[in-house]
Amino acid sequence: KMCNRRATTEDLLEISYIGKVVETGNIFDGSAVKINGEAIPGRGNDISVFFVLGKQPFGQFPPGWDVGLEGMCVGERRRLVIPPVLGYGAAGVPRRGIPPNATLQYDVTLVSLNGLATPQ
């Protein structure tokens, strides 16, 4: 048993991650990734990102994160394989290099849960 307190809906999660398109192997996103040598706008060169589990505006992160990150413990790593229906679907996100109907893979580490960086 890794922890007594696992991530649930409405928790503030801090994660580090890297995302790639399964079909092409191309990395399209990550908490510390630079695209063409430039930081991703809005990230401020941070090495992690914060979000509220189950409460993100549509399109900010793939809906599959709400399913795949549920129950994580601080320090745990997971590989999420997100099918198109829980990713960005038929539209994709061409400006980010995500083609229509892409399967996405994210390697995620939970850095902190509700501001606490040690397992509870």
N, C-alpha and C. Protein backbone atom coordinates (compact mmCIF):
# COMPACT_ATOMS: atom_id res chain seq x y z
N LYS A 1 0.85 -1.19 0.00
CA LYS A 1 0.00 0.00 0.00
C LYS A 1 0.89 1.24 0.00
N MET A 2 0.78 2.04 -1.06
CA MET A 2 1.65 3.20 -1.19
C MET A 2 1.25 4.37 -0.29
N CYS A 3 -0.04 4.57 -0.10
CA CYS A 3 -0.48 5.72 0.69
C CYS A 3 -1.90 5.48 1.17
N ASN A 4 -2.29 6.28 2.14
CA ASN A 4 -3.66 6.26 2.64
C ASN A 4 -4.53 7.29 1.95
N ARG A 5 -3.92 8.35 1.44
CA ARG A 5 -4.65 9.44 0.80
C ARG A 5 -4.32 9.47 -0.68
N ARG A 6 -5.30 9.12 -1.48
CA ARG A 6 -5.13 9.06 -2.93
C ARG A 6 -5.89 10.22 -3.58
N ALA A 7 -5.49 10.57 -4.80
CA ALA A 7 -6.11 11.67 -5.53
C ALA A 7 -7.57 11.35 -5.86
N THR A 8 -8.44 12.31 -5.57
CA THR A 8 -9.86 12.19 -5.90
C THR A 8 -10.34 13.49 -6.53
N THR A 9 -11.55 13.47 -7.08
CA THR A 9 -12.14 14.64 -7.72
C THR A 9 -12.08 15.84 -6.79
N GLU A 10 -11.72 16.98 -7.34
CA GLU A 10 -11.59 18.28 -6.69
C GLU A 10 -10.27 18.46 -5.94
N ASP A 11 -9.38 17.45 -5.96
CA ASP A 11 -8.06 17.63 -5.37
C ASP A 11 -7.20 18.46 -6.31
N LEU A 12 -6.28 19.25 -5.73
CA LEU A 12 -5.30 19.99 -6.50
C LEU A 12 -4.09 19.09 -6.70
N LEU A 13 -3.82 18.73 -7.96
CA LEU A 13 -2.70 17.86 -8.29
C LEU A 13 -1.59 18.68 -8.92
N GLU A 14 -0.37 18.41 -8.52
CA GLU A 14 0.81 18.94 -9.20
C GLU A 14 1.47 17.74 -9.86
N ILE A 15 1.64 17.81 -11.17
CA ILE A 15 2.22 16.68 -11.89
C ILE A 15 3.35 17.14 -12.80
N SER A 16 4.24 16.22 -13.07
CA SER A 16 5.19 16.39 -14.18
C SER A 16 4.82 15.31 -15.18
N TYR A 17 4.96 15.61 -16.46
CA TYR A 17 4.52 14.65 -17.47
C TYR A 17 5.18 14.93 -18.81
N ILE A 18 5.07 13.93 -19.66
CA ILE A 18 5.45 14.08 -21.05
C ILE A 18 4.39 13.36 -21.88
N GLY A 19 3.97 13.99 -22.98
CA GLY A 19 2.92 13.40 -23.81
C GLY A 19 3.40 13.17 -25.22
N LYS A 20 3.00 12.03 -25.78
CA LYS A 20 3.35 11.76 -27.18
C LYS A 20 2.18 11.11 -27.89
N VAL A 21 2.20 11.26 -29.21
CA VAL A 21 1.19 10.63 -30.07
C VAL A 21 1.65 9.20 -30.33
N VAL A 22 0.82 8.23 -29.97
CA VAL A 22 1.20 6.82 -30.11
C VAL A 22 1.48 6.46 -31.57
N GLU A 23 0.63 6.91 -32.48
CA GLU A 23 0.75 6.53 -33.88
C GLU A 23 2.04 7.02 -34.54
N THR A 24 2.55 8.17 -34.11
CA THR A 24 3.74 8.74 -34.74
C THR A 24 4.98 8.70 -33.85
N GLY A 25 4.76 8.57 -32.54
CA GLY A 25 5.87 8.62 -31.59
C GLY A 25 6.35 10.02 -31.30
N ASN A 26 5.69 11.03 -31.88
CA ASN A 26 6.10 12.42 -31.69
C ASN A 26 5.68 12.95 -30.32
N ILE A 27 6.64 13.57 -29.62
CA ILE A 27 6.33 14.25 -28.36
C ILE A 27 5.65 15.57 -28.71
N PHE A 28 4.49 15.83 -28.12
CA PHE A 28 3.76 17.05 -28.42
C PHE A 28 3.61 17.96 -27.21
N ASP A 29 3.87 17.44 -26.02
CA ASP A 29 3.64 18.24 -24.83
C ASP A 29 4.39 17.63 -23.66
N GLY A 30 4.58 18.44 -22.64
CA GLY A 30 5.20 17.97 -21.41
C GLY A 30 5.35 19.13 -20.45
N SER A 31 5.41 18.83 -19.19
CA SER A 31 5.50 19.89 -18.20
C SER A 31 6.79 20.68 -18.32
N ALA A 32 7.87 20.07 -18.80
CA ALA A 32 9.14 20.78 -18.95
C ALA A 32 9.65 20.75 -20.39
N VAL A 33 8.77 20.42 -21.33
CA VAL A 33 9.16 20.28 -22.73
C VAL A 33 9.18 21.63 -23.42
N LYS A 34 10.14 21.81 -24.31
CA LYS A 34 10.17 22.98 -25.18
C LYS A 34 9.86 22.51 -26.59
N ILE A 35 9.08 23.29 -27.30
CA ILE A 35 8.72 22.97 -28.67
C ILE A 35 9.49 23.94 -29.57
N ASN A 36 10.29 23.39 -30.47
CA ASN A 36 11.14 24.21 -31.34
C ASN A 36 12.00 25.19 -30.54
N GLY A 37 12.47 24.73 -29.37
CA GLY A 37 13.33 25.56 -28.53
C GLY A 37 12.61 26.60 -27.70
N GLU A 38 11.29 26.66 -27.82
CA GLU A 38 10.51 27.66 -27.10
C GLU A 38 9.66 27.00 -26.02
N ALA A 39 9.58 27.66 -24.86
CA ALA A 39 8.70 27.16 -23.80
C ALA A 39 7.25 27.20 -24.28
N ILE A 40 6.44 26.32 -23.75
CA ILE A 40 5.03 26.30 -24.10
C ILE A 40 4.36 27.52 -23.47
N PRO A 41 3.62 28.32 -24.24
CA PRO A 41 3.01 29.54 -23.71
C PRO A 41 2.17 29.25 -22.46
N GLY A 42 2.33 30.11 -21.46
CA GLY A 42 1.55 29.97 -20.24
C GLY A 42 2.19 29.10 -19.19
N ARG A 43 3.31 28.45 -19.51
CA ARG A 43 3.94 27.55 -18.56
C ARG A 43 5.04 28.22 -17.73
N GLY A 44 5.58 29.33 -18.21
CA GLY A 44 6.59 30.05 -17.47
C GLY A 44 7.83 29.24 -17.13
N ASN A 45 8.18 28.28 -18.01
CA ASN A 45 9.36 27.42 -17.81
C ASN A 45 9.28 26.56 -16.55
N ASP A 46 8.08 26.35 -16.02
CA ASP A 46 7.92 25.47 -14.86
C ASP A 46 8.21 24.04 -15.27
N ILE A 47 8.55 23.20 -14.29
CA ILE A 47 8.79 21.79 -14.58
C ILE A 47 7.60 20.92 -14.18
N SER A 48 6.57 21.55 -13.63
CA SER A 48 5.35 20.83 -13.29
C SER A 48 4.16 21.73 -13.58
N VAL A 49 2.97 21.13 -13.59
CA VAL A 49 1.73 21.89 -13.78
C VAL A 49 0.75 21.50 -12.68
N PHE A 50 -0.15 22.42 -12.38
CA PHE A 50 -1.19 22.20 -11.38
C PHE A 50 -2.54 22.14 -12.08
N PHE A 51 -3.41 21.29 -11.60
CA PHE A 51 -4.78 21.29 -12.07
C PHE A 51 -5.68 20.61 -11.04
N VAL A 52 -6.97 20.90 -11.11
CA VAL A 52 -7.94 20.33 -10.18
C VAL A 52 -8.58 19.12 -10.86
N LEU A 53 -8.41 17.96 -10.26
CA LEU A 53 -8.90 16.72 -10.84
C LEU A 53 -10.42 16.75 -11.01
N GLY A 54 -10.85 16.50 -12.25
CA GLY A 54 -12.27 16.44 -12.55
C GLY A 54 -12.94 17.78 -12.77
N LYS A 55 -12.20 18.88 -12.75
CA LYS A 55 -12.81 20.20 -12.83
C LYS A 55 -12.16 21.12 -13.85
N GLN A 56 -11.47 20.57 -14.85
CA GLN A 56 -10.78 21.40 -15.84
C GLN A 56 -11.72 21.86 -16.93
N PRO A 57 -11.49 23.08 -17.45
CA PRO A 57 -12.27 23.51 -18.61
C PRO A 57 -12.03 22.56 -19.77
N PHE A 58 -13.05 22.32 -20.58
CA PHE A 58 -12.92 21.41 -21.70
C PHE A 58 -11.79 21.84 -22.61
N GLY A 59 -10.93 20.90 -22.97
CA GLY A 59 -9.85 21.17 -23.90
C GLY A 59 -8.53 21.54 -23.25
N GLN A 60 -8.55 21.91 -21.96
CA GLN A 60 -7.29 22.27 -21.31
C GLN A 60 -6.38 21.06 -21.16
N PHE A 61 -6.94 19.96 -20.70
CA PHE A 61 -6.25 18.67 -20.61
C PHE A 61 -7.22 17.63 -21.12
N PRO A 62 -6.73 16.50 -21.63
CA PRO A 62 -7.65 15.49 -22.15
C PRO A 62 -8.52 14.90 -21.03
N PRO A 63 -9.80 14.63 -21.31
CA PRO A 63 -10.69 14.06 -20.31
C PRO A 63 -10.15 12.76 -19.70
N GLY A 64 -9.33 12.04 -20.45
CA GLY A 64 -8.74 10.80 -19.94
C GLY A 64 -7.88 11.00 -18.70
N TRP A 65 -7.37 12.22 -18.49
CA TRP A 65 -6.59 12.47 -17.27
C TRP A 65 -7.45 12.29 -16.03
N ASP A 66 -8.71 12.74 -16.09
CA ASP A 66 -9.59 12.63 -14.92
C ASP A 66 -9.80 11.16 -14.53
N VAL A 67 -9.83 10.29 -15.52
CA VAL A 67 -9.98 8.86 -15.27
C VAL A 67 -8.65 8.24 -14.83
N GLY A 68 -7.59 8.55 -15.57
CA GLY A 68 -6.30 7.89 -15.36
C GLY A 68 -5.54 8.33 -14.12
N LEU A 69 -5.80 9.54 -13.62
CA LEU A 69 -5.06 10.04 -12.46
C LEU A 69 -5.80 9.83 -11.14
N GLU A 70 -7.05 9.45 -11.24
CA GLU A 70 -7.84 9.13 -10.04
C GLU A 70 -7.11 8.04 -9.24
N GLY A 71 -6.99 8.24 -7.95
CA GLY A 71 -6.41 7.22 -7.08
C GLY A 71 -4.89 7.23 -6.99
N MET A 72 -4.22 8.19 -7.63
CA MET A 72 -2.76 8.24 -7.57
C MET A 72 -2.27 8.67 -6.19
N CYS A 73 -1.08 8.21 -5.84
CA CYS A 73 -0.39 8.60 -4.62
C CYS A 73 0.76 9.54 -4.97
N VAL A 74 1.13 10.43 -4.05
CA VAL A 74 2.28 11.30 -4.25
C VAL A 74 3.51 10.43 -4.50
N GLY A 75 4.26 10.77 -5.54
CA GLY A 75 5.46 10.03 -5.92
C GLY A 75 5.21 8.90 -6.90
N GLU A 76 3.95 8.55 -7.09
CA GLU A 76 3.61 7.46 -8.02
C GLU A 76 3.78 7.92 -9.46
N ARG A 77 4.18 6.99 -10.31
CA ARG A 77 4.28 7.23 -11.75
C ARG A 77 3.30 6.33 -12.46
N ARG A 78 2.67 6.88 -13.47
CA ARG A 78 1.73 6.10 -14.29
C ARG A 78 1.96 6.43 -15.76
N ARG A 79 1.71 5.42 -16.59
CA ARG A 79 1.65 5.63 -18.04
C ARG A 79 0.18 5.55 -18.41
N LEU A 80 -0.34 6.65 -18.95
CA LEU A 80 -1.73 6.69 -19.39
C LEU A 80 -1.76 6.57 -20.90
N VAL A 81 -2.54 5.63 -21.41
CA VAL A 81 -2.77 5.51 -22.85
C VAL A 81 -4.22 5.95 -23.07
N ILE A 82 -4.36 7.09 -23.72
CA ILE A 82 -5.66 7.76 -23.85
C ILE A 82 -6.21 7.53 -25.26
N PRO A 83 -7.35 6.83 -25.38
CA PRO A 83 -7.95 6.66 -26.71
C PRO A 83 -8.54 7.98 -27.19
N PRO A 84 -8.73 8.12 -28.49
CA PRO A 84 -9.24 9.39 -29.03
C PRO A 84 -10.51 9.90 -28.34
N VAL A 85 -11.41 9.00 -27.98
CA VAL A 85 -12.67 9.43 -27.36
C VAL A 85 -12.45 10.12 -26.01
N LEU A 86 -11.35 9.82 -25.32
CA LEU A 86 -11.02 10.48 -24.06
C LEU A 86 -9.86 11.46 -24.22
N GLY A 87 -9.47 11.68 -25.49
CA GLY A 87 -8.41 12.63 -25.80
C GLY A 87 -9.00 13.84 -26.49
N TYR A 88 -8.56 14.05 -27.73
CA TYR A 88 -9.03 15.22 -28.47
C TYR A 88 -9.88 14.84 -29.69
N GLY A 89 -10.25 13.56 -29.79
CA GLY A 89 -11.23 13.10 -30.76
C GLY A 89 -10.91 13.37 -32.22
N ALA A 90 -11.98 13.51 -33.00
CA ALA A 90 -11.87 13.68 -34.44
C ALA A 90 -11.24 15.02 -34.83
N ALA A 91 -11.31 16.00 -33.93
CA ALA A 91 -10.73 17.31 -34.25
C ALA A 91 -9.21 17.32 -34.07
N GLY A 92 -8.72 16.57 -33.07
CA GLY A 92 -7.30 16.64 -32.76
C GLY A 92 -6.94 18.05 -32.30
N VAL A 93 -5.65 18.34 -32.24
CA VAL A 93 -5.17 19.69 -31.94
C VAL A 93 -3.99 19.92 -32.89
N PRO A 94 -4.28 20.21 -34.17
CA PRO A 94 -3.22 20.33 -35.17
C PRO A 94 -2.10 21.31 -34.79
N ARG A 95 -2.43 22.42 -34.15
CA ARG A 95 -1.40 23.41 -33.80
C ARG A 95 -0.41 22.85 -32.78
N ARG A 96 -0.79 21.78 -32.08
CA ARG A 96 0.09 21.15 -31.10
C ARG A 96 0.67 19.83 -31.62
N GLY A 97 0.36 19.49 -32.86
CA GLY A 97 0.90 18.27 -33.44
C GLY A 97 0.11 17.02 -33.10
N ILE A 98 -1.16 17.21 -32.70
CA ILE A 98 -2.03 16.06 -32.39
C ILE A 98 -3.01 15.90 -33.54
N PRO A 99 -2.82 14.85 -34.35
CA PRO A 99 -3.72 14.65 -35.49
C PRO A 99 -5.11 14.18 -35.05
N PRO A 100 -6.09 14.25 -35.94
CA PRO A 100 -7.42 13.73 -35.64
C PRO A 100 -7.34 12.25 -35.24
N ASN A 101 -8.18 11.87 -34.28
CA ASN A 101 -8.33 10.48 -33.84
C ASN A 101 -7.02 9.86 -33.34
N ALA A 102 -6.19 10.67 -32.70
CA ALA A 102 -4.90 10.18 -32.19
C ALA A 102 -5.06 9.52 -30.83
N THR A 103 -4.31 8.45 -30.63
CA THR A 103 -4.17 7.84 -29.30
C THR A 103 -2.97 8.53 -28.66
N LEU A 104 -3.13 8.95 -27.40
CA LEU A 104 -2.10 9.71 -26.71
C LEU A 104 -1.51 8.89 -25.57
N GLN A 105 -0.23 9.04 -25.35
CA GLN A 105 0.44 8.39 -24.22
C GLN A 105 1.06 9.46 -23.35
N TYR A 106 0.76 9.41 -22.07
CA TYR A 106 1.34 10.34 -21.10
C TYR A 106 2.07 9.54 -20.03
N ASP A 107 3.31 9.92 -19.75
CA ASP A 107 4.04 9.39 -18.61
C ASP A 107 3.97 10.48 -17.54
N VAL A 108 3.29 10.16 -16.43
CA VAL A 108 2.93 11.15 -15.42
C VAL A 108 3.50 10.76 -14.06
N THR A 109 4.01 11.76 -13.33
CA THR A 109 4.40 11.59 -11.93
C THR A 109 3.60 12.58 -11.09
N LEU A 110 2.99 12.10 -10.02
CA LEU A 110 2.27 12.98 -9.11
C LEU A 110 3.28 13.57 -8.13
N VAL A 111 3.52 14.87 -8.25
CA VAL A 111 4.53 15.57 -7.45
C VAL A 111 3.97 15.97 -6.08
N SER A 112 2.74 16.51 -6.07
CA SER A 112 2.12 16.87 -4.81
C SER A 112 0.60 16.76 -4.93
N LEU A 113 -0.02 16.61 -3.77
CA LEU A 113 -1.48 16.48 -3.68
C LEU A 113 -1.96 17.50 -2.66
N ASN A 114 -2.76 18.47 -3.12
CA ASN A 114 -3.24 19.54 -2.25
C ASN A 114 -2.10 20.26 -1.54
N GLY A 115 -0.99 20.45 -2.26
CA GLY A 115 0.15 21.19 -1.73
C GLY A 115 1.11 20.39 -0.88
N LEU A 116 0.83 19.11 -0.67
CA LEU A 116 1.72 18.27 0.14
C LEU A 116 2.52 17.34 -0.76
N ALA A 117 3.85 17.39 -0.63
CA ALA A 117 4.72 16.61 -1.51
C ALA A 117 5.21 15.31 -0.89
N THR A 118 4.59 14.88 0.19
CA THR A 118 4.93 13.60 0.79
C THR A 118 3.69 12.72 0.82
N PRO A 119 3.84 11.42 0.62
CA PRO A 119 2.68 10.53 0.66
C PRO A 119 1.95 10.64 2.00
N GLN A 120 0.63 10.62 1.94
CA GLN A 120 -0.19 10.72 3.16
C GLN A 120 -0.73 9.35 3.55
